[in-house]
């Protein structure tokens, strides 16, 4: 599995929150699949909104998937890994409460991106 650098933007945080809440609520595999599909559909929708000149949206959607599927999957897997790490931190360290959640989130992104810069693309 490959991973990608993580941006500190609202979209990434929204996706992180969805996966994190899935973990803390003990969601099932179907719910996880649904989250993946909803996020991908949102990304495609945003792409189409940013390209109003496109006449054939079905063809453009297929082209987006062909061009971006691998990079997008790497990004989503990276966000899921961050959610898993946060889940572990929140459950192992009783001192890590909600007040430190945002601080830990930012620090994890920094560390994760540092790993990406200093390790090979695939560690698995």
PDB file of N, CA and C in Angstrom:
ATOM      1  N   UNK A   1       0.846  -1.164   0.000  1.00  0.00           N
ATOM      2  CA  UNK A   1       0.000   0.000   0.000  1.00  0.00           C
ATOM      3  C   UNK A   1       0.895   1.231   0.000  1.00  0.00           C
ATOM      4  N   UNK A   2       0.582   2.163  -0.843  1.00  0.00           N
ATOM      5  CA  UNK A   2       1.314   3.417  -0.883  1.00  0.00           C
ATOM      6  C   UNK A   2       0.585   4.459  -0.063  1.00  0.00           C
ATOM      7  N   UNK A   3       1.306   5.483   0.303  1.00  0.00           N
ATOM      8  CA  UNK A   3       0.692   6.571   1.028  1.00  0.00           C
ATOM      9  C   UNK A   3       1.127   7.882   0.411  1.00  0.00           C
ATOM     10  N   UNK A   4       0.433   8.938   0.780  1.00  0.00           N
ATOM     11  CA  UNK A   4       0.725  10.240   0.182  1.00  0.00           C
ATOM     12  C   UNK A   4       0.854  11.289   1.268  1.00  0.00           C
ATOM     13  N   UNK A   5       1.410  12.412   0.896  1.00  0.00           N
ATOM     14  CA  UNK A   5       1.489  13.529   1.827  1.00  0.00           C
ATOM     15  C   UNK A   5       0.070  14.007   2.137  1.00  0.00           C
ATOM     16  N   UNK A   6      -0.068  14.539   3.335  1.00  0.00           N
ATOM     17  CA  UNK A   6      -1.375  14.988   3.802  1.00  0.00           C
ATOM     18  C   UNK A   6      -1.357  16.510   3.926  1.00  0.00           C
ATOM     19  N   UNK A   7      -2.363  17.148   3.355  1.00  0.00           N
ATOM     20  CA  UNK A   7      -2.500  18.595   3.477  1.00  0.00           C
ATOM     21  C   UNK A   7      -3.281  18.932   4.741  1.00  0.00           C
ATOM     22  N   UNK A   8      -3.000  20.088   5.288  1.00  0.00           N
ATOM     23  CA  UNK A   8      -3.740  20.576   6.449  1.00  0.00           C
ATOM     24  C   UNK A   8      -4.852  21.501   5.966  1.00  0.00           C
ATOM     25  N   UNK A   9      -5.802  20.932   5.284  1.00  0.00           N
ATOM     26  CA  UNK A   9      -6.918  21.732   4.787  1.00  0.00           C
ATOM     27  C   UNK A   9      -8.229  21.194   5.341  1.00  0.00           C
ATOM     28  N   UNK A  10      -9.277  21.949   5.149  1.00  0.00           N
ATOM     29  CA  UNK A  10     -10.577  21.575   5.709  1.00  0.00           C
ATOM     30  C   UNK A  10     -11.127  20.298   5.100  1.00  0.00           C
ATOM     31  N   UNK A  11     -10.884  20.099   3.809  1.00  0.00           N
ATOM     32  CA  UNK A  11     -11.390  18.897   3.146  1.00  0.00           C
ATOM     33  C   UNK A  11     -10.757  17.647   3.757  1.00  0.00           C
ATOM     34  N   UNK A  12      -9.450  17.671   3.929  1.00  0.00           N
ATOM     35  CA  UNK A  12      -8.760  16.516   4.517  1.00  0.00           C
ATOM     36  C   UNK A  12      -9.253  16.282   5.933  1.00  0.00           C
ATOM     37  N   UNK A  13      -9.434  17.355   6.692  1.00  0.00           N
ATOM     38  CA  UNK A  13      -9.924  17.211   8.067  1.00  0.00           C
ATOM     39  C   UNK A  13     -11.331  16.625   8.079  1.00  0.00           C
ATOM     40  N   UNK A  14     -12.165  17.038   7.144  1.00  0.00           N
ATOM     41  CA  UNK A  14     -13.519  16.485   7.053  1.00  0.00           C
ATOM     42  C   UNK A  14     -13.464  14.971   6.796  1.00  0.00           C
ATOM     43  N   UNK A  15     -12.611  14.567   5.879  1.00  0.00           N
ATOM     44  CA  UNK A  15     -12.488  13.145   5.569  1.00  0.00           C
ATOM     45  C   UNK A  15     -11.920  12.379   6.765  1.00  0.00           C
ATOM     46  N   UNK A  16     -10.916  12.950   7.405  1.00  0.00           N
ATOM     47  CA  UNK A  16     -10.331  12.343   8.605  1.00  0.00           C
ATOM     48  C   UNK A  16     -11.417  12.132   9.663  1.00  0.00           C
ATOM     49  N   UNK A  17     -12.210  13.169   9.911  1.00  0.00           N
ATOM     50  CA  UNK A  17     -13.264  13.087  10.927  1.00  0.00           C
ATOM     51  C   UNK A  17     -14.257  11.975  10.614  1.00  0.00           C
ATOM     52  N   UNK A  18     -14.584  11.815   9.359  1.00  0.00           N
ATOM     53  CA  UNK A  18     -15.543  10.754   8.991  1.00  0.00           C
ATOM     54  C   UNK A  18     -14.974   9.379   9.326  1.00  0.00           C
ATOM     55  N   UNK A  19     -13.708   9.142   8.992  1.00  0.00           N
ATOM     56  CA  UNK A  19     -13.091   7.846   9.293  1.00  0.00           C
ATOM     57  C   UNK A  19     -12.883   7.666  10.801  1.00  0.00           C
ATOM     58  N   UNK A  20     -12.493   8.726  11.461  1.00  0.00           N
ATOM     59  CA  UNK A  20     -12.279   8.638  12.911  1.00  0.00           C
ATOM     60  C   UNK A  20     -13.596   8.300  13.625  1.00  0.00           C
ATOM     61  N   UNK A  21     -14.672   8.968  13.243  1.00  0.00           N
ATOM     62  CA  UNK A  21     -15.966   8.673  13.866  1.00  0.00           C
ATOM     63  C   UNK A  21     -16.441   7.261  13.531  1.00  0.00           C
ATOM     64  N   UNK A  22     -16.123   6.782  12.359  1.00  0.00           N
ATOM     65  CA  UNK A  22     -16.446   5.399  12.015  1.00  0.00           C
ATOM     66  C   UNK A  22     -15.735   4.458  12.987  1.00  0.00           C
ATOM     67  N   UNK A  23     -14.484   4.741  13.282  1.00  0.00           N
ATOM     68  CA  UNK A  23     -13.724   3.897  14.206  1.00  0.00           C
ATOM     69  C   UNK A  23     -14.297   3.937  15.620  1.00  0.00           C
ATOM     70  N   UNK A  24     -14.544   5.145  16.134  1.00  0.00           N
ATOM     71  CA  UNK A  24     -15.008   5.218  17.525  1.00  0.00           C
ATOM     72  C   UNK A  24     -16.425   4.686  17.692  1.00  0.00           C
ATOM     73  N   UNK A  25     -17.199   4.684  16.612  1.00  0.00           N
ATOM     74  CA  UNK A  25     -18.561   4.137  16.672  1.00  0.00           C
ATOM     75  C   UNK A  25     -18.625   2.665  16.303  1.00  0.00           C
ATOM     76  N   UNK A  26     -17.439   2.067  16.093  1.00  0.00           N
ATOM     77  CA  UNK A  26     -17.351   0.633  15.762  1.00  0.00           C
ATOM     78  C   UNK A  26     -18.199   0.288  14.536  1.00  0.00           C
ATOM     79  N   UNK A  27     -18.011   1.075  13.481  1.00  0.00           N
ATOM     80  CA  UNK A  27     -18.764   0.857  12.252  1.00  0.00           C
ATOM     81  C   UNK A  27     -18.419  -0.466  11.587  1.00  0.00           C
ATOM     82  N   UNK A  28     -19.285  -0.886  10.695  1.00  0.00           N
ATOM     83  CA  UNK A  28     -19.033  -2.139   9.986  1.00  0.00           C
ATOM     84  C   UNK A  28     -18.380  -1.867   8.631  1.00  0.00           C
ATOM     85  N   UNK A  29     -17.995  -2.944   7.949  1.00  0.00           N
ATOM     86  CA  UNK A  29     -17.272  -2.811   6.676  1.00  0.00           C
ATOM     87  C   UNK A  29     -18.110  -2.110   5.607  1.00  0.00           C
ATOM     88  N   UNK A  30     -19.408  -2.372   5.595  1.00  0.00           N
ATOM     89  CA  UNK A  30     -20.252  -1.725   4.595  1.00  0.00           C
ATOM     90  C   UNK A  30     -20.257  -0.214   4.788  1.00  0.00           C
ATOM     91  N   UNK A  31     -20.306   0.232   6.041  1.00  0.00           N
ATOM     92  CA  UNK A  31     -20.273   1.669   6.311  1.00  0.00           C
ATOM     93  C   UNK A  31     -18.954   2.285   5.835  1.00  0.00           C
ATOM     94  N   UNK A  32     -17.863   1.559   6.025  1.00  0.00           N
ATOM     95  CA  UNK A  32     -16.562   2.046   5.564  1.00  0.00           C
ATOM     96  C   UNK A  32     -16.548   2.156   4.045  1.00  0.00           C
ATOM     97  N   UNK A  33     -17.075   1.160   3.376  1.00  0.00           N
ATOM     98  CA  UNK A  33     -17.170   1.193   1.924  1.00  0.00           C
ATOM     99  C   UNK A  33     -18.028   2.373   1.472  1.00  0.00           C
ATOM    100  N   UNK A  34     -19.134   2.607   2.175  1.00  0.00           N
ATOM    101  CA  UNK A  34     -20.008   3.737   1.836  1.00  0.00           C
ATOM    102  C   UNK A  34     -19.279   5.067   1.998  1.00  0.00           C
ATOM    103  N   UNK A  35     -18.500   5.213   3.063  1.00  0.00           N
ATOM    104  CA  UNK A  35     -17.725   6.446   3.261  1.00  0.00           C
ATOM    105  C   UNK A  35     -16.758   6.636   2.100  1.00  0.00           C
ATOM    106  N   UNK A  36     -16.040   5.577   1.738  1.00  0.00           N
ATOM    107  CA  UNK A  36     -15.106   5.656   0.604  1.00  0.00           C
ATOM    108  C   UNK A  36     -15.819   6.130  -0.660  1.00  0.00           C
ATOM    109  N   UNK A  37     -16.967   5.531  -0.943  1.00  0.00           N
ATOM    110  CA  UNK A  37     -17.718   5.868  -2.155  1.00  0.00           C
ATOM    111  C   UNK A  37     -18.240   7.302  -2.123  1.00  0.00           C
ATOM    112  N   UNK A  38     -18.735   7.732  -0.967  1.00  0.00           N
ATOM    113  CA  UNK A  38     -19.250   9.099  -0.843  1.00  0.00           C
ATOM    114  C   UNK A  38     -18.135  10.129  -1.044  1.00  0.00           C
ATOM    115  N   UNK A  39     -16.971   9.847  -0.496  1.00  0.00           N
ATOM    116  CA  UNK A  39     -15.843  10.775  -0.642  1.00  0.00           C
ATOM    117  C   UNK A  39     -15.396  10.828  -2.096  1.00  0.00           C
ATOM    118  N   UNK A  40     -15.308   9.673  -2.747  1.00  0.00           N
ATOM    119  CA  UNK A  40     -14.903   9.679  -4.155  1.00  0.00           C
ATOM    120  C   UNK A  40     -15.944  10.405  -5.008  1.00  0.00           C
ATOM    121  N   UNK A  41     -17.207  10.180  -4.735  1.00  0.00           N
ATOM    122  CA  UNK A  41     -18.257  10.873  -5.492  1.00  0.00           C
ATOM    123  C   UNK A  41     -18.161  12.378  -5.278  1.00  0.00           C
ATOM    124  N   UNK A  42     -17.862  12.799  -4.059  1.00  0.00           N
ATOM    125  CA  UNK A  42     -17.714  14.229  -3.779  1.00  0.00           C
ATOM    126  C   UNK A  42     -16.534  14.810  -4.554  1.00  0.00           C
ATOM    127  N   UNK A  43     -15.427  14.079  -4.614  1.00  0.00           N
ATOM    128  CA  UNK A  43     -14.255  14.552  -5.347  1.00  0.00           C
ATOM    129  C   UNK A  43     -14.561  14.697  -6.842  1.00  0.00           C
ATOM    130  N   UNK A  44     -15.270  13.748  -7.383  1.00  0.00           N
ATOM    131  CA  UNK A  44     -15.639  13.819  -8.804  1.00  0.00           C
ATOM    132  C   UNK A  44     -16.597  14.982  -9.037  1.00  0.00           C
ATOM    133  N   UNK A  45     -17.552  15.145  -8.140  1.00  0.00           N
ATOM    134  CA  UNK A  45     -18.501  16.258  -8.256  1.00  0.00           C
ATOM    135  C   UNK A  45     -17.771  17.601  -8.218  1.00  0.00           C
ATOM    136  N   UNK A  46     -16.817  17.747  -7.312  1.00  0.00           N
ATOM    137  CA  UNK A  46     -16.032  18.981  -7.237  1.00  0.00           C
ATOM    138  C   UNK A  46     -15.241  19.210  -8.526  1.00  0.00           C
ATOM    139  N   UNK A  47     -14.702  18.139  -9.071  1.00  0.00           N
ATOM    140  CA  UNK A  47     -13.967  18.243 -10.334  1.00  0.00           C
ATOM    141  C   UNK A  47     -14.881  18.747 -11.450  1.00  0.00           C
ATOM    142  N   UNK A  48     -16.069  18.172 -11.531  1.00  0.00           N
ATOM    143  CA  UNK A  48     -17.012  18.585 -12.575  1.00  0.00           C
ATOM    144  C   UNK A  48     -17.472  20.026 -12.374  1.00  0.00           C
ATOM    145  N   UNK A  49     -17.674  20.423 -11.122  1.00  0.00           N
ATOM    146  CA  UNK A  49     -18.062  21.815 -10.848  1.00  0.00           C
ATOM    147  C   UNK A  49     -16.970  22.790 -11.269  1.00  0.00           C
ATOM    148  N   UNK A  50     -15.718  22.371 -11.113  1.00  0.00           N
ATOM    149  CA  UNK A  50     -14.588  23.230 -11.476  1.00  0.00           C
ATOM    150  C   UNK A  50     -14.296  23.231 -12.975  1.00  0.00           C
ATOM    151  N   UNK A  51     -15.020  22.402 -13.721  1.00  0.00           N
ATOM    152  CA  UNK A  51     -14.853  22.332 -15.177  1.00  0.00           C
ATOM    153  C   UNK A  51     -16.220  22.406 -15.860  1.00  0.00           C
ATOM    154  N   UNK A  52     -16.885  23.567 -15.761  1.00  0.00           N
ATOM    155  CA  UNK A  52     -18.238  23.696 -16.319  1.00  0.00           C
ATOM    156  C   UNK A  52     -18.269  23.586 -17.847  1.00  0.00           C
ATOM    157  N   UNK A  53     -17.122  23.702 -18.466  1.00  0.00           N
ATOM    158  CA  UNK A  53     -17.071  23.624 -19.932  1.00  0.00           C
ATOM    159  C   UNK A  53     -17.241  22.188 -20.447  1.00  0.00           C
ATOM    160  N   UNK A  54     -17.157  21.219 -19.569  1.00  0.00           N
ATOM    161  CA  UNK A  54     -17.270  19.812 -19.969  1.00  0.00           C
ATOM    162  C   UNK A  54     -18.680  19.524 -20.462  1.00  0.00           C
ATOM    163  N   UNK A  55     -18.756  18.973 -21.661  1.00  0.00           N
ATOM    164  CA  UNK A  55     -20.055  18.647 -22.261  1.00  0.00           C
ATOM    165  C   UNK A  55     -20.543  17.255 -21.848  1.00  0.00           C
ATOM    166  N   UNK A  56     -19.636  16.284 -21.844  1.00  0.00           N
ATOM    167  CA  UNK A  56     -19.990  14.898 -21.537  1.00  0.00           C
ATOM    168  C   UNK A  56     -19.473  14.551 -20.136  1.00  0.00           C
ATOM    169  N   UNK A  57     -20.339  14.713 -19.137  1.00  0.00           N
ATOM    170  CA  UNK A  57     -19.916  14.488 -17.758  1.00  0.00           C
ATOM    171  C   UNK A  57     -19.598  13.024 -17.467  1.00  0.00           C
ATOM    172  N   UNK A  58     -20.293  12.110 -18.137  1.00  0.00           N
ATOM    173  CA  UNK A  58     -19.990  10.690 -17.934  1.00  0.00           C
ATOM    174  C   UNK A  58     -18.581  10.368 -18.410  1.00  0.00           C
ATOM    175  N   UNK A  59     -18.235  10.865 -19.585  1.00  0.00           N
ATOM    176  CA  UNK A  59     -16.893  10.635 -20.120  1.00  0.00           C
ATOM    177  C   UNK A  59     -15.837  11.293 -19.228  1.00  0.00           C
ATOM    178  N   UNK A  60     -16.128  12.491 -18.753  1.00  0.00           N
ATOM    179  CA  UNK A  60     -15.188  13.200 -17.879  1.00  0.00           C
ATOM    180  C   UNK A  60     -15.009  12.457 -16.555  1.00  0.00           C
ATOM    181  N   UNK A  61     -16.094  11.883 -16.037  1.00  0.00           N
ATOM    182  CA  UNK A  61     -16.008  11.093 -14.807  1.00  0.00           C
ATOM    183  C   UNK A  61     -15.108   9.890 -15.012  1.00  0.00           C
ATOM    184  N   UNK A  62     -15.286   9.195 -16.115  1.00  0.00           N
ATOM    185  CA  UNK A  62     -14.437   8.036 -16.421  1.00  0.00           C
ATOM    186  C   UNK A  62     -12.982   8.470 -16.548  1.00  0.00           C
ATOM    187  N   UNK A  63     -12.741   9.584 -17.228  1.00  0.00           N
ATOM    188  CA  UNK A  63     -11.377  10.094 -17.374  1.00  0.00           C
ATOM    189  C   UNK A  63     -10.773  10.454 -16.011  1.00  0.00           C
ATOM    190  N   UNK A  64     -11.579  11.045 -15.122  1.00  0.00           N
ATOM    191  CA  UNK A  64     -11.094  11.390 -13.788  1.00  0.00           C
ATOM    192  C   UNK A  64     -10.666  10.127 -13.044  1.00  0.00           C
ATOM    193  N   UNK A  65     -11.509   9.104 -13.105  1.00  0.00           N
ATOM    194  CA  UNK A  65     -11.204   7.853 -12.404  1.00  0.00           C
ATOM    195  C   UNK A  65      -9.920   7.244 -12.963  1.00  0.00           C
ATOM    196  N   UNK A  66      -9.796   7.186 -14.289  1.00  0.00           N
ATOM    197  CA  UNK A  66      -8.596   6.618 -14.911  1.00  0.00           C
ATOM    198  C   UNK A  66      -7.355   7.401 -14.495  1.00  0.00           C
ATOM    199  N   UNK A  67      -7.454   8.713 -14.516  1.00  0.00           N
ATOM    200  CA  UNK A  67      -6.296   9.567 -14.234  1.00  0.00           C
ATOM    201  C   UNK A  67      -5.954   9.636 -12.744  1.00  0.00           C
ATOM    202  N   UNK A  68      -6.958   9.614 -11.875  1.00  0.00           N
ATOM    203  CA  UNK A  68      -6.732   9.924 -10.458  1.00  0.00           C
ATOM    204  C   UNK A  68      -6.964   8.785  -9.478  1.00  0.00           C
ATOM    205  N   UNK A  69      -7.442   7.659  -9.928  1.00  0.00           N
ATOM    206  CA  UNK A  69      -7.830   6.596  -8.997  1.00  0.00           C
ATOM    207  C   UNK A  69      -6.684   6.175  -8.082  1.00  0.00           C
ATOM    208  N   UNK A  70      -5.502   5.970  -8.627  1.00  0.00           N
ATOM    209  CA  UNK A  70      -4.367   5.525  -7.819  1.00  0.00           C
ATOM    210  C   UNK A  70      -3.956   6.556  -6.785  1.00  0.00           C
ATOM    211  N   UNK A  71      -3.791   7.799  -7.226  1.00  0.00           N
ATOM    212  CA  UNK A  71      -3.396   8.870  -6.302  1.00  0.00           C
ATOM    213  C   UNK A  71      -4.482   9.108  -5.250  1.00  0.00           C
ATOM    214  N   UNK A  72      -5.726   9.040  -5.683  1.00  0.00           N
ATOM    215  CA  UNK A  72      -6.821   9.251  -4.750  1.00  0.00           C
ATOM    216  C   UNK A  72      -6.857   8.145  -3.698  1.00  0.00           C
ATOM    217  N   UNK A  73      -6.673   6.905  -4.131  1.00  0.00           N
ATOM    218  CA  UNK A  73      -6.667   5.772  -3.196  1.00  0.00           C
ATOM    219  C   UNK A  73      -5.519   5.921  -2.191  1.00  0.00           C
ATOM    220  N   UNK A  74      -4.350   6.345  -2.653  1.00  0.00           N
ATOM    221  CA  UNK A  74      -3.222   6.571  -1.750  1.00  0.00           C
ATOM    222  C   UNK A  74      -3.568   7.640  -0.707  1.00  0.00           C
ATOM    223  N   UNK A  75      -4.199   8.709  -1.171  1.00  0.00           N
ATOM    224  CA  UNK A  75      -4.605   9.789  -0.273  1.00  0.00           C
ATOM    225  C   UNK A  75      -5.600   9.286   0.771  1.00  0.00           C
ATOM    226  N   UNK A  76      -6.627   8.585   0.322  1.00  0.00           N
ATOM    227  CA  UNK A  76      -7.653   8.079   1.249  1.00  0.00           C
ATOM    228  C   UNK A  76      -7.041   7.094   2.243  1.00  0.00           C
ATOM    229  N   UNK A  77      -6.154   6.226   1.772  1.00  0.00           N
ATOM    230  CA  UNK A  77      -5.497   5.289   2.684  1.00  0.00           C
ATOM    231  C   UNK A  77      -4.665   6.028   3.726  1.00  0.00           C
ATOM    232  N   UNK A  78      -4.023   7.104   3.323  1.00  0.00           N
ATOM    233  CA  UNK A  78      -3.238   7.900   4.268  1.00  0.00           C
ATOM    234  C   UNK A  78      -4.132   8.549   5.316  1.00  0.00           C
ATOM    235  N   UNK A  79      -5.265   9.066   4.891  1.00  0.00           N
ATOM    236  CA  UNK A  79      -6.206   9.676   5.835  1.00  0.00           C
ATOM    237  C   UNK A  79      -6.735   8.612   6.798  1.00  0.00           C
ATOM    238  N   UNK A  80      -7.017   7.432   6.297  1.00  0.00           N
ATOM    239  CA  UNK A  80      -7.478   6.338   7.161  1.00  0.00           C
ATOM    240  C   UNK A  80      -6.410   5.970   8.180  1.00  0.00           C
ATOM    241  N   UNK A  81      -5.150   5.920   7.744  1.00  0.00           N
ATOM    242  CA  UNK A  81      -4.068   5.614   8.679  1.00  0.00           C
ATOM    243  C   UNK A  81      -3.991   6.659   9.785  1.00  0.00           C
ATOM    244  N   UNK A  82      -4.122   7.921   9.432  1.00  0.00           N
ATOM    245  CA  UNK A  82      -4.111   8.967  10.456  1.00  0.00           C
ATOM    246  C   UNK A  82      -5.269   8.780  11.442  1.00  0.00           C
ATOM    247  N   UNK A  83      -6.432   8.426  10.946  1.00  0.00           N
ATOM    248  CA  UNK A  83      -7.582   8.193  11.818  1.00  0.00           C
ATOM    249  C   UNK A  83      -7.308   7.018  12.762  1.00  0.00           C
ATOM    250  N   UNK A  84      -6.674   5.985  12.248  1.00  0.00           N
ATOM    251  CA  UNK A  84      -6.325   4.823  13.081  1.00  0.00           C
ATOM    252  C   UNK A  84      -5.320   5.233  14.153  1.00  0.00           C
ATOM    253  N   UNK A  85      -4.297   5.991  13.761  1.00  0.00           N
ATOM    254  CA  UNK A  85      -3.302   6.445  14.734  1.00  0.00           C
ATOM    255  C   UNK A  85      -3.966   7.270  15.834  1.00  0.00           C
ATOM    256  N   UNK A  86      -4.857   8.171  15.453  1.00  0.00           N
ATOM    257  CA  UNK A  86      -5.536   9.001  16.445  1.00  0.00           C
ATOM    258  C   UNK A  86      -6.411   8.150  17.355  1.00  0.00           C
ATOM    259  N   UNK A  87      -7.060   7.166  16.787  1.00  0.00           N
ATOM    260  CA  UNK A  87      -7.884   6.249  17.579  1.00  0.00           C
ATOM    261  C   UNK A  87      -7.032   5.559  18.639  1.00  0.00           C
ATOM    262  N   UNK A  88      -5.852   5.093  18.231  1.00  0.00           N
ATOM    263  CA  UNK A  88      -4.949   4.452  19.186  1.00  0.00           C
ATOM    264  C   UNK A  88      -4.510   5.433  20.272  1.00  0.00           C
ATOM    265  N   UNK A  89      -4.102   6.622  19.862  1.00  0.00           N
ATOM    266  CA  UNK A  89      -3.628   7.624  20.820  1.00  0.00           C
ATOM    267  C   UNK A  89      -4.722   7.957  21.824  1.00  0.00           C
ATOM    268  N   UNK A  90      -5.916   8.202  21.346  1.00  0.00           N
ATOM    269  CA  UNK A  90      -7.014   8.591  22.217  1.00  0.00           C
ATOM    270  C   UNK A  90      -7.396   7.474  23.183  1.00  0.00           C
ATOM    271  N   UNK A  91      -7.191   6.222  22.767  1.00  0.00           N
ATOM    272  CA  UNK A  91      -7.599   5.101  23.614  1.00  0.00           C
ATOM    273  C   UNK A  91      -6.482   4.567  24.505  1.00  0.00           C
ATOM    274  N   UNK A  92      -5.241   4.844  24.179  1.00  0.00           N
ATOM    275  CA  UNK A  92      -4.117   4.349  24.968  1.00  0.00           C
ATOM    276  C   UNK A  92      -3.700   5.366  26.031  1.00  0.00           C
ATOM    277  N   UNK A  93      -3.748   6.626  25.704  1.00  0.00           N
ATOM    278  CA  UNK A  93      -3.258   7.670  26.594  1.00  0.00           C
ATOM    279  C   UNK A  93      -4.429   8.453  27.187  1.00  0.00           C
ATOM    280  N   UNK A  94      -4.761   8.177  28.459  1.00  0.00           N
ATOM    281  CA  UNK A  94      -5.888   8.881  29.081  1.00  0.00           C
ATOM    282  C   UNK A  94      -5.654  10.388  29.201  1.00  0.00           C
ATOM    283  N   UNK A  95      -4.398  10.812  29.145  1.00  0.00           N
ATOM    284  CA  UNK A  95      -4.079  12.241  29.215  1.00  0.00           C
ATOM    285  C   UNK A  95      -4.399  12.959  27.910  1.00  0.00           C
ATOM    286  N   UNK A  96      -4.547  12.195  26.861  1.00  0.00           N
ATOM    287  CA  UNK A  96      -4.828  12.779  25.544  1.00  0.00           C
ATOM    288  C   UNK A  96      -6.336  12.941  25.419  1.00  0.00           C
ATOM    289  N   UNK A  97      -6.810  14.073  25.820  1.00  0.00           N
ATOM    290  CA  UNK A  97      -8.249  14.319  25.795  1.00  0.00           C
ATOM    291  C   UNK A  97      -8.621  15.193  24.608  1.00  0.00           C
ATOM    292  N   UNK A  98      -9.866  15.559  24.546  1.00  0.00           N
ATOM    293  CA  UNK A  98     -10.357  16.348  23.414  1.00  0.00           C
ATOM    294  C   UNK A  98      -9.659  17.696  23.277  1.00  0.00           C
ATOM    295  N   UNK A  99      -9.152  18.237  24.377  1.00  0.00           N
ATOM    296  CA  UNK A  99      -8.454  19.520  24.304  1.00  0.00           C
ATOM    297  C   UNK A  99      -7.184  19.421  23.464  1.00  0.00           C
ATOM    298  N   UNK A 100      -6.578  18.264  23.435  1.00  0.00           N
ATOM    299  CA  UNK A 100      -5.339  18.071  22.680  1.00  0.00           C
ATOM    300  C   UNK A 100      -5.583  17.463  21.300  1.00  0.00           C
ATOM    301  N   UNK A 101      -6.835  17.214  20.967  1.00  0.00           N
ATOM    302  CA  UNK A 101      -7.143  16.512  19.715  1.00  0.00           C
ATOM    303  C   UNK A 101      -6.581  17.254  18.507  1.00  0.00           C
ATOM    304  N   UNK A 102      -6.874  18.546  18.389  1.00  0.00           N
ATOM    305  CA  UNK A 102      -6.405  19.319  17.229  1.00  0.00           C
ATOM    306  C   UNK A 102      -4.887  19.426  17.213  1.00  0.00           C
ATOM    307  N   UNK A 103      -4.290  19.603  18.372  1.00  0.00           N
ATOM    308  CA  UNK A 103      -2.831  19.676  18.460  1.00  0.00           C
ATOM    309  C   UNK A 103      -2.211  18.354  18.002  1.00  0.00           C
ATOM    310  N   UNK A 104      -2.775  17.248  18.459  1.00  0.00           N
ATOM    311  CA  UNK A 104      -2.265  15.935  18.053  1.00  0.00           C
ATOM    312  C   UNK A 104      -2.485  15.690  16.570  1.00  0.00           C
ATOM    313  N   UNK A 105      -3.610  16.133  16.057  1.00  0.00           N
ATOM    314  CA  UNK A 105      -3.895  15.977  14.627  1.00  0.00           C
ATOM    315  C   UNK A 105      -2.834  16.699  13.800  1.00  0.00           C
ATOM    316  N   UNK A 106      -2.542  17.940  14.138  1.00  0.00           N
ATOM    317  CA  UNK A 106      -1.528  18.701  13.398  1.00  0.00           C
ATOM    318  C   UNK A 106      -0.156  18.058  13.515  1.00  0.00           C
ATOM    319  N   UNK A 107       0.192  17.599  14.702  1.00  0.00           N
ATOM    320  CA  UNK A 107       1.500  16.967  14.906  1.00  0.00           C
ATOM    321  C   UNK A 107       1.593  15.664  14.108  1.00  0.00           C
ATOM    322  N   UNK A 108       0.505  14.895  14.070  1.00  0.00           N
ATOM    323  CA  UNK A 108       0.520  13.650  13.299  1.00  0.00           C
ATOM    324  C   UNK A 108       0.722  13.923  11.824  1.00  0.00           C
ATOM    325  N   UNK A 109       0.097  14.937  11.297  1.00  0.00           N
ATOM    326  CA  UNK A 109       0.285  15.279   9.887  1.00  0.00           C
ATOM    327  C   UNK A 109       1.748  15.628   9.635  1.00  0.00           C
ATOM    328  N   UNK A 110       2.315  16.420  10.511  1.00  0.00           N
ATOM    329  CA  UNK A 110       3.727  16.802  10.372  1.00  0.00           C
ATOM    330  C   UNK A 110       4.622  15.559  10.370  1.00  0.00           C
ATOM    331  N   UNK A 111       4.414  14.666  11.316  1.00  0.00           N
ATOM    332  CA  UNK A 111       5.224  13.449  11.393  1.00  0.00           C
ATOM    333  C   UNK A 111       4.986  12.528  10.197  1.00  0.00           C
ATOM    334  N   UNK A 112       3.754  12.420   9.802  1.00  0.00           N
ATOM    335  CA  UNK A 112       3.402  11.559   8.668  1.00  0.00           C
ATOM    336  C   UNK A 112       4.070  12.064   7.390  1.00  0.00           C
ATOM    337  N   UNK A 113       3.998  13.367   7.155  1.00  0.00           N
ATOM    338  CA  UNK A 113       4.631  13.937   5.970  1.00  0.00           C
ATOM    339  C   UNK A 113       6.142  13.823   6.033  1.00  0.00           C
ATOM    340  N   UNK A 114       6.713  13.903   7.233  1.00  0.00           N
ATOM    341  CA  UNK A 114       8.150  13.711   7.398  1.00  0.00           C
ATOM    342  C   UNK A 114       8.538  12.283   7.001  1.00  0.00           C
ATOM    343  N   UNK A 115       7.732  11.316   7.400  1.00  0.00           N
ATOM    344  CA  UNK A 115       7.987   9.934   6.981  1.00  0.00           C
ATOM    345  C   UNK A 115       7.927   9.802   5.470  1.00  0.00           C
ATOM    346  N   UNK A 116       6.934  10.437   4.869  1.00  0.00           N
ATOM    347  CA  UNK A 116       6.780  10.388   3.419  1.00  0.00           C
ATOM    348  C   UNK A 116       8.018  10.957   2.731  1.00  0.00           C
ATOM    349  N   UNK A 117       8.563  12.048   3.279  1.00  0.00           N
ATOM    350  CA  UNK A 117       9.744  12.672   2.689  1.00  0.00           C
ATOM    351  C   UNK A 117      10.999  11.821   2.853  1.00  0.00           C
ATOM    352  N   UNK A 118      11.055  11.044   3.919  1.00  0.00           N
ATOM    353  CA  UNK A 118      12.296  10.355   4.246  1.00  0.00           C
ATOM    354  C   UNK A 118      12.289   8.853   4.030  1.00  0.00           C
ATOM    355  N   UNK A 119      11.169   8.293   3.685  1.00  0.00           N
ATOM    356  CA  UNK A 119      11.083   6.853   3.430  1.00  0.00           C
ATOM    357  C   UNK A 119      10.656   6.619   1.992  1.00  0.00           C
ATOM    358  N   UNK A 120      10.770   5.385   1.567  1.00  0.00           N
ATOM    359  CA  UNK A 120      10.280   5.045   0.236  1.00  0.00           C
ATOM    360  C   UNK A 120       8.760   5.144   0.224  1.00  0.00           C
ATOM    361  N   UNK A 121       8.183   5.214  -0.958  1.00  0.00           N
ATOM    362  CA  UNK A 121       6.734   5.391  -1.080  1.00  0.00           C
ATOM    363  C   UNK A 121       5.933   4.270  -0.443  1.00  0.00           C
ATOM    364  N   UNK A 122       6.430   3.081  -0.522  1.00  0.00           N
ATOM    365  CA  UNK A 122       5.665   1.946  -0.017  1.00  0.00           C
ATOM    366  C   UNK A 122       6.449   1.265   1.091  1.00  0.00           C
ATOM    367  N   UNK A 123       5.849   1.220   2.287  1.00  0.00           N
ATOM    368  CA  UNK A 123       6.532   0.583   3.412  1.00  0.00           C
ATOM    369  C   UNK A 123       5.937  -0.774   3.733  1.00  0.00           C
ATOM    370  N   UNK A 124       4.941  -1.180   2.988  1.00  0.00           N
ATOM    371  CA  UNK A 124       4.283  -2.466   3.245  1.00  0.00           C
ATOM    372  C   UNK A 124       4.656  -3.464   2.187  1.00  0.00           C
TER     373      UNK A 124
END
